Amino acid sequence: MSHAYQWLTDRQRNNISQIIFTFSNRNIYLFLLCPSAEGTHHIRIAYESFGEATSVISEKKYLAVDKNCVDVFCDDLAMIIKNQESVLNILQASLSSRTMGNFDEPISDTNANRISASIENALKSRSSLLRTNTLTVQYSN
């Protein structure tokens, strides 16, 4: 099931050129870059954990989900990866204890493994390889 993915227009879904996300144990930020004839659309989606519930926020849209933050994010990321048709310029993951300038709890091994497994499963479910020019995974404390 997708959450924020449903907010993307067909044009945005078909023209994602960059997928960048940064996460800690309580917050995940997903940035999508979608070029078009009218210009580049920058989409920022925030997944914020409140115990076992998650708020998903993007531009003027808000969704409360009774599900763990990591699971909600993984649902959306899996949909993006499964449906990506064009070559990605960048796929970047940043695991950090410093998220968006704020100090937060470092990502746990369990959550990092869950996100990695979700990406792996989404890639395996594709009928063709996901093509990307740059793949970056970084960890910092």
Foldseek 3Di string as FASTA:
>chain_A
DADCLVVDDPQQLAFWQEWEWEDFQFKIKIWTWGADPVGIDIWIWMWGDDDQKTWIDIDPDIDIGNGRSLVNVLRHVLVSLQSHDDEHAEYEYEFECQDPNRGHHGHDPVSVVVSVVSNVVSQVPHPDHHHYNYYYYYYDD
